[in-house]
Amino acid sequence: MTEKEKWKFILGFIKRHKICVLSTVSPDNRPESAVIEFGETDNLELIFDTFMTYRKYKNILNNHNVSVVIGWDEDRTVQYEGVAVELNMLDTLKHQKLYVAKNPSVAKFMVMPGIRCFKITPKWIRYTDVGVFPYKIIELDLNFDILTFSRM
């Protein structure tokens, strides 16, 4: 499988899911996880929102490194490690359309005080299907220019 084929396969898997588990690290180095709704870009970036009062907000401001697990039904998952950044107002409006299109129920939160949007840029992604033997594993190491690659 070529890198481009891996990319498209993993993107297709991510597009079929609406929730994931996001893991962050607290300021005192404790892991914290939360189930969140998300959207995605064709560059494999994940978009989500949170309130400024939630633990994950403070955690991400303190440490931008996060991990995500998408899927788990049918013995298939995507493990995803990346860097989360808070979006400015212009970028929020741009990415919000993708997020709300996938998760219409979040639209009501977008106008609430204290809501903030984040984008996670992937650094490493692994798809695993443990429902087959041997396990099917597809891995992407994304230490290169994502924008250039996604347009290939």
N, C-alpha and C. Protein backbone atom coordinates (compact mmCIF):
# COMPACT_ATOMS: atom_id res chain seq x y z
N MET A 1 0.84 -1.17 0.00
CA MET A 1 0.00 0.00 0.00
C MET A 1 0.89 1.24 0.00
N THR A 2 0.64 2.17 -0.92
CA THR A 2 1.44 3.39 -0.99
C THR A 2 1.05 4.33 0.16
N GLU A 3 1.87 5.32 0.42
CA GLU A 3 1.55 6.30 1.46
C GLU A 3 0.23 7.01 1.15
N LYS A 4 0.01 7.33 -0.12
CA LYS A 4 -1.24 8.01 -0.49
C LYS A 4 -2.43 7.08 -0.26
N GLU A 5 -2.31 5.81 -0.57
CA GLU A 5 -3.40 4.85 -0.32
C GLU A 5 -3.66 4.70 1.18
N LYS A 6 -2.59 4.66 1.98
CA LYS A 6 -2.74 4.59 3.43
C LYS A 6 -3.51 5.82 3.93
N TRP A 7 -3.09 6.98 3.44
CA TRP A 7 -3.72 8.26 3.81
C TRP A 7 -5.22 8.21 3.55
N LYS A 8 -5.60 7.82 2.34
CA LYS A 8 -7.02 7.79 1.96
C LYS A 8 -7.80 6.76 2.77
N PHE A 9 -7.20 5.61 3.03
CA PHE A 9 -7.85 4.57 3.82
C PHE A 9 -8.14 5.07 5.24
N ILE A 10 -7.13 5.66 5.87
CA ILE A 10 -7.29 6.16 7.24
C ILE A 10 -8.27 7.33 7.28
N LEU A 11 -8.20 8.23 6.31
CA LEU A 11 -9.15 9.34 6.26
C LEU A 11 -10.58 8.82 6.13
N GLY A 12 -10.79 7.81 5.29
CA GLY A 12 -12.11 7.22 5.16
C GLY A 12 -12.62 6.64 6.46
N PHE A 13 -11.74 5.99 7.21
CA PHE A 13 -12.12 5.43 8.51
C PHE A 13 -12.52 6.55 9.48
N ILE A 14 -11.70 7.59 9.54
CA ILE A 14 -11.98 8.72 10.44
C ILE A 14 -13.31 9.38 10.08
N LYS A 15 -13.58 9.54 8.80
CA LYS A 15 -14.82 10.19 8.36
C LYS A 15 -16.06 9.41 8.78
N ARG A 16 -15.95 8.11 8.98
CA ARG A 16 -17.10 7.28 9.35
C ARG A 16 -17.43 7.36 10.85
N HIS A 17 -16.63 8.08 11.62
CA HIS A 17 -16.84 8.17 13.07
C HIS A 17 -17.08 9.61 13.49
N LYS A 18 -17.87 9.77 14.56
CA LYS A 18 -18.21 11.10 15.05
C LYS A 18 -17.65 11.39 16.43
N ILE A 19 -17.31 10.34 17.19
CA ILE A 19 -16.76 10.55 18.53
C ILE A 19 -15.43 9.83 18.66
N CYS A 20 -14.66 10.31 19.62
CA CYS A 20 -13.36 9.71 19.90
C CYS A 20 -13.05 9.94 21.37
N VAL A 21 -11.97 9.36 21.82
CA VAL A 21 -11.45 9.63 23.15
C VAL A 21 -10.21 10.49 22.98
N LEU A 22 -10.23 11.65 23.60
CA LEU A 22 -9.11 12.58 23.59
C LEU A 22 -8.39 12.47 24.93
N SER A 23 -7.07 12.29 24.87
CA SER A 23 -6.27 12.23 26.10
C SER A 23 -5.32 13.41 26.13
N THR A 24 -5.29 14.05 27.31
CA THR A 24 -4.41 15.19 27.55
C THR A 24 -3.61 14.91 28.81
N VAL A 25 -2.70 15.81 29.12
CA VAL A 25 -1.88 15.67 30.33
C VAL A 25 -2.12 16.89 31.20
N SER A 26 -2.45 16.66 32.46
CA SER A 26 -2.71 17.76 33.39
C SER A 26 -1.40 18.48 33.73
N PRO A 27 -1.50 19.69 34.28
CA PRO A 27 -0.27 20.40 34.67
C PRO A 27 0.59 19.64 35.67
N ASP A 28 -0.02 18.73 36.44
CA ASP A 28 0.78 17.91 37.36
C ASP A 28 1.07 16.52 36.79
N ASN A 29 1.07 16.43 35.46
CA ASN A 29 1.47 15.22 34.71
C ASN A 29 0.58 14.00 34.91
N ARG A 30 -0.71 14.21 35.16
CA ARG A 30 -1.66 13.10 35.24
C ARG A 30 -2.39 12.99 33.91
N PRO A 31 -2.57 11.78 33.40
CA PRO A 31 -3.35 11.63 32.16
C PRO A 31 -4.83 11.86 32.44
N GLU A 32 -5.50 12.50 31.49
CA GLU A 32 -6.93 12.73 31.59
C GLU A 32 -7.54 12.49 30.22
N SER A 33 -8.64 11.77 30.17
CA SER A 33 -9.28 11.43 28.91
C SER A 33 -10.74 11.85 28.93
N ALA A 34 -11.26 12.14 27.74
CA ALA A 34 -12.66 12.54 27.60
C ALA A 34 -13.18 12.09 26.25
N VAL A 35 -14.44 11.70 26.22
CA VAL A 35 -15.10 11.40 24.95
C VAL A 35 -15.56 12.73 24.37
N ILE A 36 -15.23 12.96 23.10
CA ILE A 36 -15.62 14.21 22.44
C ILE A 36 -16.15 13.92 21.04
N GLU A 37 -16.94 14.84 20.52
CA GLU A 37 -17.33 14.81 19.12
C GLU A 37 -16.24 15.56 18.36
N PHE A 38 -16.06 15.19 17.09
CA PHE A 38 -15.01 15.84 16.31
C PHE A 38 -15.42 15.92 14.84
N GLY A 39 -14.73 16.77 14.14
CA GLY A 39 -14.78 16.84 12.69
C GLY A 39 -13.36 16.66 12.19
N GLU A 40 -13.19 16.55 10.89
CA GLU A 40 -11.84 16.36 10.34
C GLU A 40 -11.70 17.13 9.04
N THR A 41 -10.44 17.43 8.72
CA THR A 41 -10.12 18.02 7.42
C THR A 41 -9.54 16.92 6.54
N ASP A 42 -9.40 17.20 5.26
CA ASP A 42 -8.78 16.23 4.36
C ASP A 42 -7.28 16.08 4.64
N ASN A 43 -6.74 16.94 5.49
CA ASN A 43 -5.34 16.84 5.91
C ASN A 43 -5.18 16.00 7.17
N LEU A 44 -6.24 15.26 7.54
CA LEU A 44 -6.24 14.40 8.73
C LEU A 44 -6.17 15.19 10.03
N GLU A 45 -6.48 16.47 9.99
CA GLU A 45 -6.54 17.28 11.21
C GLU A 45 -7.91 17.05 11.84
N LEU A 46 -7.96 17.07 13.16
CA LEU A 46 -9.21 16.90 13.88
C LEU A 46 -9.63 18.24 14.47
N ILE A 47 -10.93 18.53 14.42
CA ILE A 47 -11.49 19.77 14.94
C ILE A 47 -12.46 19.41 16.06
N PHE A 48 -12.38 20.11 17.19
CA PHE A 48 -13.31 19.88 18.29
C PHE A 48 -13.46 21.17 19.09
N ASP A 49 -14.45 21.19 19.95
CA ASP A 49 -14.63 22.35 20.82
C ASP A 49 -14.66 21.91 22.27
N THR A 50 -14.48 22.87 23.15
CA THR A 50 -14.58 22.63 24.58
C THR A 50 -14.83 23.95 25.27
N PHE A 51 -15.31 23.88 26.48
CA PHE A 51 -15.48 25.08 27.28
C PHE A 51 -14.19 25.40 28.01
N MET A 52 -13.96 26.67 28.22
CA MET A 52 -12.75 27.12 28.91
C MET A 52 -12.68 26.60 30.34
N THR A 53 -13.80 26.20 30.91
CA THR A 53 -13.83 25.71 32.28
C THR A 53 -13.51 24.22 32.39
N TYR A 54 -13.42 23.52 31.27
CA TYR A 54 -13.16 22.08 31.29
C TYR A 54 -11.67 21.80 31.45
N ARG A 55 -11.37 20.66 32.05
CA ARG A 55 -9.97 20.29 32.32
C ARG A 55 -9.14 20.24 31.05
N LYS A 56 -9.69 19.71 29.97
CA LYS A 56 -8.89 19.55 28.75
C LYS A 56 -8.42 20.89 28.20
N TYR A 57 -9.22 21.94 28.41
CA TYR A 57 -8.83 23.27 27.92
C TYR A 57 -7.53 23.71 28.60
N LYS A 58 -7.52 23.67 29.91
CA LYS A 58 -6.31 24.07 30.66
C LYS A 58 -5.14 23.14 30.33
N ASN A 59 -5.44 21.85 30.23
CA ASN A 59 -4.38 20.88 29.94
C ASN A 59 -3.70 21.18 28.60
N ILE A 60 -4.51 21.46 27.58
CA ILE A 60 -3.93 21.71 26.24
C ILE A 60 -3.15 23.01 26.21
N LEU A 61 -3.62 24.02 26.92
CA LEU A 61 -2.85 25.26 26.98
C LEU A 61 -1.50 25.03 27.64
N ASN A 62 -1.45 24.12 28.59
CA ASN A 62 -0.22 23.80 29.30
C ASN A 62 0.69 22.86 28.51
N ASN A 63 0.09 21.91 27.77
CA ASN A 63 0.84 20.92 27.00
C ASN A 63 0.04 20.59 25.75
N HIS A 64 0.53 20.98 24.61
CA HIS A 64 -0.20 20.84 23.34
C HIS A 64 -0.22 19.40 22.80
N ASN A 65 0.57 18.51 23.37
CA ASN A 65 0.62 17.13 22.89
C ASN A 65 -0.60 16.35 23.39
N VAL A 66 -1.31 15.72 22.45
CA VAL A 66 -2.51 14.96 22.79
C VAL A 66 -2.49 13.62 22.06
N SER A 67 -3.34 12.71 22.52
CA SER A 67 -3.55 11.48 21.77
C SER A 67 -5.06 11.25 21.68
N VAL A 68 -5.44 10.51 20.65
CA VAL A 68 -6.85 10.27 20.34
C VAL A 68 -7.00 8.81 19.94
N VAL A 69 -8.12 8.21 20.33
CA VAL A 69 -8.49 6.90 19.81
C VAL A 69 -9.86 7.05 19.17
N ILE A 70 -9.94 6.65 17.90
CA ILE A 70 -11.17 6.72 17.13
C ILE A 70 -11.60 5.29 16.80
N GLY A 71 -12.88 5.02 16.99
CA GLY A 71 -13.39 3.68 16.71
C GLY A 71 -13.08 2.74 17.84
N TRP A 72 -13.63 1.58 17.78
CA TRP A 72 -13.39 0.47 18.69
C TRP A 72 -14.41 -0.61 18.42
N ASP A 73 -15.45 -0.21 17.68
CA ASP A 73 -16.42 -1.21 17.27
C ASP A 73 -15.82 -2.05 16.13
N GLU A 74 -16.30 -3.23 15.98
CA GLU A 74 -15.82 -4.17 14.96
C GLU A 74 -14.31 -4.42 15.07
N ASP A 75 -13.75 -4.20 16.25
CA ASP A 75 -12.33 -4.49 16.53
C ASP A 75 -11.36 -3.65 15.70
N ARG A 76 -11.79 -2.45 15.29
CA ARG A 76 -10.93 -1.57 14.49
C ARG A 76 -10.79 -0.22 15.18
N THR A 77 -9.56 0.29 15.20
CA THR A 77 -9.32 1.60 15.80
C THR A 77 -8.29 2.38 14.99
N VAL A 78 -8.30 3.67 15.23
CA VAL A 78 -7.20 4.53 14.81
C VAL A 78 -6.63 5.15 16.07
N GLN A 79 -5.35 4.94 16.28
CA GLN A 79 -4.61 5.62 17.34
C GLN A 79 -3.96 6.83 16.67
N TYR A 80 -4.00 7.96 17.34
CA TYR A 80 -3.63 9.22 16.70
C TYR A 80 -2.90 10.07 17.73
N GLU A 81 -1.70 10.50 17.41
CA GLU A 81 -0.95 11.41 18.27
C GLU A 81 -0.73 12.70 17.50
N GLY A 82 -0.91 13.83 18.19
CA GLY A 82 -0.75 15.09 17.50
C GLY A 82 -0.57 16.26 18.44
N VAL A 83 -0.65 17.45 17.85
CA VAL A 83 -0.46 18.70 18.57
C VAL A 83 -1.75 19.52 18.42
N ALA A 84 -2.34 19.90 19.55
CA ALA A 84 -3.59 20.66 19.56
C ALA A 84 -3.30 22.14 19.77
N VAL A 85 -3.95 22.97 18.95
CA VAL A 85 -3.84 24.42 19.11
C VAL A 85 -5.22 25.03 19.09
N GLU A 86 -5.39 26.05 19.91
CA GLU A 86 -6.65 26.78 19.93
C GLU A 86 -6.75 27.62 18.67
N LEU A 87 -7.91 27.60 18.03
CA LEU A 87 -8.10 28.35 16.80
C LEU A 87 -8.51 29.78 17.10
N ASN A 88 -8.00 30.71 16.29
CA ASN A 88 -8.46 32.09 16.42
C ASN A 88 -9.86 32.18 15.81
N MET A 89 -10.47 33.34 15.91
CA MET A 89 -11.86 33.49 15.46
C MET A 89 -12.02 33.19 13.98
N LEU A 90 -11.12 33.68 13.14
CA LEU A 90 -11.22 33.44 11.70
C LEU A 90 -11.09 31.96 11.37
N ASP A 91 -10.10 31.29 11.96
CA ASP A 91 -9.93 29.85 11.72
C ASP A 91 -11.08 29.04 12.30
N THR A 92 -11.63 29.50 13.43
CA THR A 92 -12.79 28.81 14.01
C THR A 92 -13.95 28.82 13.02
N LEU A 93 -14.23 29.98 12.44
CA LEU A 93 -15.33 30.08 11.48
C LEU A 93 -15.09 29.19 10.27
N LYS A 94 -13.84 29.12 9.82
CA LYS A 94 -13.48 28.30 8.66
C LYS A 94 -13.70 26.80 8.95
N HIS A 95 -13.22 26.33 10.08
CA HIS A 95 -13.27 24.90 10.41
C HIS A 95 -14.59 24.48 11.04
N GLN A 96 -15.31 25.43 11.60
CA GLN A 96 -16.57 25.15 12.26
C GLN A 96 -17.58 24.50 11.31
N LYS A 97 -17.55 24.90 10.06
CA LYS A 97 -18.48 24.35 9.07
C LYS A 97 -18.31 22.84 8.94
N LEU A 98 -17.07 22.37 8.89
CA LEU A 98 -16.80 20.92 8.80
C LEU A 98 -17.31 20.20 10.05
N TYR A 99 -17.01 20.77 11.17
CA TYR A 99 -17.35 20.18 12.46
C TYR A 99 -18.86 20.09 12.64
N VAL A 100 -19.57 21.18 12.37
CA VAL A 100 -21.02 21.21 12.56
C VAL A 100 -21.72 20.36 11.49
N ALA A 101 -21.18 20.31 10.27
CA ALA A 101 -21.79 19.48 9.23
C ALA A 101 -21.79 18.01 9.65
N LYS A 102 -20.73 17.58 10.30
CA LYS A 102 -20.62 16.19 10.75
C LYS A 102 -21.42 15.95 12.02
N ASN A 103 -21.50 16.97 12.88
CA ASN A 103 -22.16 16.87 14.18
C ASN A 103 -23.14 18.02 14.37
N PRO A 104 -24.29 17.98 13.72
CA PRO A 104 -25.24 19.11 13.79
C PRO A 104 -25.63 19.50 15.21
N SER A 105 -25.61 18.57 16.13
CA SER A 105 -26.04 18.87 17.51
C SER A 105 -25.10 19.84 18.22
N VAL A 106 -23.87 20.03 17.72
CA VAL A 106 -22.94 20.95 18.39
C VAL A 106 -23.18 22.40 18.00
N ALA A 107 -24.01 22.66 17.00
CA ALA A 107 -24.24 24.03 16.54
C ALA A 107 -24.69 24.94 17.68
N LYS A 108 -25.52 24.42 18.56
CA LYS A 108 -26.05 25.23 19.67
C LYS A 108 -24.95 25.69 20.63
N PHE A 109 -23.83 24.96 20.69
CA PHE A 109 -22.75 25.33 21.58
C PHE A 109 -21.84 26.42 21.00
N MET A 110 -21.83 26.55 19.70
CA MET A 110 -20.91 27.47 19.03
C MET A 110 -21.12 28.93 19.42
N VAL A 111 -22.30 29.27 19.89
CA VAL A 111 -22.59 30.66 20.26
C VAL A 111 -22.54 30.89 21.77
N MET A 112 -22.23 29.86 22.52
CA MET A 112 -22.21 29.98 23.98
C MET A 112 -20.92 30.66 24.45
N PRO A 113 -21.03 31.46 25.50
CA PRO A 113 -19.82 32.08 26.05
C PRO A 113 -18.87 31.01 26.59
N GLY A 114 -17.60 31.22 26.38
CA GLY A 114 -16.60 30.31 26.93
C GLY A 114 -16.29 29.10 26.07
N ILE A 115 -16.92 28.98 24.92
CA ILE A 115 -16.61 27.85 24.04
C ILE A 115 -15.39 28.20 23.20
N ARG A 116 -14.50 27.25 23.02
CA ARG A 116 -13.30 27.45 22.21
C ARG A 116 -13.12 26.25 21.29
N CYS A 117 -12.60 26.51 20.09
CA CYS A 117 -12.35 25.44 19.12
C CYS A 117 -10.86 25.17 19.00
N PHE A 118 -10.55 23.90 18.78
CA PHE A 118 -9.17 23.45 18.64
C PHE A 118 -9.01 22.66 17.35
N LYS A 119 -7.79 22.66 16.86
CA LYS A 119 -7.41 21.81 15.73
C LYS A 119 -6.22 20.98 16.17
N ILE A 120 -6.30 19.69 15.90
CA ILE A 120 -5.17 18.79 16.20
C ILE A 120 -4.51 18.43 14.88
N THR A 121 -3.22 18.69 14.80
CA THR A 121 -2.42 18.31 13.63
C THR A 121 -1.72 16.99 13.96
N PRO A 122 -1.90 15.97 13.12
CA PRO A 122 -1.34 14.65 13.43
C PRO A 122 0.18 14.60 13.26
N LYS A 123 0.80 13.80 14.11
CA LYS A 123 2.23 13.50 14.00
C LYS A 123 2.46 12.02 13.73
N TRP A 124 1.52 11.19 14.17
CA TRP A 124 1.63 9.74 13.98
C TRP A 124 0.22 9.17 14.05
N ILE A 125 -0.09 8.24 13.13
CA ILE A 125 -1.40 7.61 13.10
C ILE A 125 -1.22 6.12 12.80
N ARG A 126 -1.98 5.30 13.52
CA ARG A 126 -1.97 3.86 13.26
C ARG A 126 -3.40 3.33 13.26
N TYR A 127 -3.76 2.69 12.15
CA TYR A 127 -5.03 1.96 12.04
C TYR A 127 -4.72 0.51 12.40
N THR A 128 -5.57 -0.10 13.23
CA THR A 128 -5.40 -1.50 13.60
C THR A 128 -6.74 -2.21 13.51
N ASP A 129 -6.74 -3.36 12.86
CA ASP A 129 -7.90 -4.25 12.82
C ASP A 129 -7.48 -5.53 13.52
N VAL A 130 -7.97 -5.73 14.75
CA VAL A 130 -7.63 -6.95 15.49
C VAL A 130 -8.67 -8.04 15.29
N GLY A 131 -9.61 -7.81 14.37
CA GLY A 131 -10.62 -8.80 14.05
C GLY A 131 -10.16 -9.80 13.00
N VAL A 132 -8.95 -9.61 12.50
CA VAL A 132 -8.36 -10.53 11.52
C VAL A 132 -7.02 -11.00 12.06
N PHE A 133 -6.57 -12.14 11.54
CA PHE A 133 -5.26 -12.63 11.94
C PHE A 133 -4.47 -12.98 10.69
N PRO A 134 -3.26 -12.46 10.55
CA PRO A 134 -2.63 -11.54 11.49
C PRO A 134 -3.33 -10.18 11.47
N TYR A 135 -3.13 -9.41 12.55
CA TYR A 135 -3.74 -8.08 12.63
C TYR A 135 -3.38 -7.26 11.40
N LYS A 136 -4.33 -6.46 10.94
CA LYS A 136 -4.05 -5.52 9.86
C LYS A 136 -3.64 -4.21 10.49
N ILE A 137 -2.43 -3.75 10.17
CA ILE A 137 -1.91 -2.51 10.74
C ILE A 137 -1.43 -1.62 9.60
N ILE A 138 -1.90 -0.39 9.63
CA ILE A 138 -1.49 0.62 8.66
C ILE A 138 -1.01 1.82 9.46
N GLU A 139 0.22 2.23 9.24
CA GLU A 139 0.81 3.30 10.04
C GLU A 139 1.27 4.45 9.17
N LEU A 140 1.02 5.66 9.64
CA LEU A 140 1.50 6.87 8.97
C LEU A 140 2.38 7.63 9.95
N ASP A 141 3.62 7.91 9.57
CA ASP A 141 4.50 8.78 10.33
C ASP A 141 4.48 10.11 9.61
N LEU A 142 3.91 11.10 10.23
CA LEU A 142 3.62 12.36 9.54
C LEU A 142 4.61 13.46 9.85
N ASN A 143 5.86 13.14 9.86
CA ASN A 143 6.88 14.15 10.09
C ASN A 143 7.34 14.75 8.77
N PHE A 144 6.38 15.31 8.05
CA PHE A 144 6.66 15.99 6.78
C PHE A 144 5.55 17.00 6.54
N ASP A 145 5.59 17.70 5.45
CA ASP A 145 4.62 18.73 5.12
C ASP A 145 3.28 18.10 4.75
N ILE A 146 2.33 18.12 5.66
CA ILE A 146 1.02 17.49 5.45
C ILE A 146 0.30 18.12 4.28
N LEU A 147 0.34 19.42 4.15
CA LEU A 147 -0.40 20.08 3.07
C LEU A 147 0.09 19.62 1.70
N THR A 148 1.39 19.50 1.55
CA THR A 148 1.94 19.05 0.27
C THR A 148 1.50 17.62 -0.01
N PHE A 149 1.56 16.74 1.00
CA PHE A 149 1.24 15.34 0.80
C PHE A 149 -0.23 15.15 0.46
N SER A 150 -1.12 15.86 1.14
CA SER A 150 -2.55 15.62 0.93
C SER A 150 -3.01 16.05 -0.46
N ARG A 151 -2.25 16.85 -1.13
CA ARG A 151 -2.62 17.30 -2.47
C ARG A 151 -2.02 16.41 -3.57
N MET A 152 -1.31 15.37 -3.18
CA MET A 152 -0.68 14.48 -4.17
C MET A 152 -1.73 13.77 -5.00
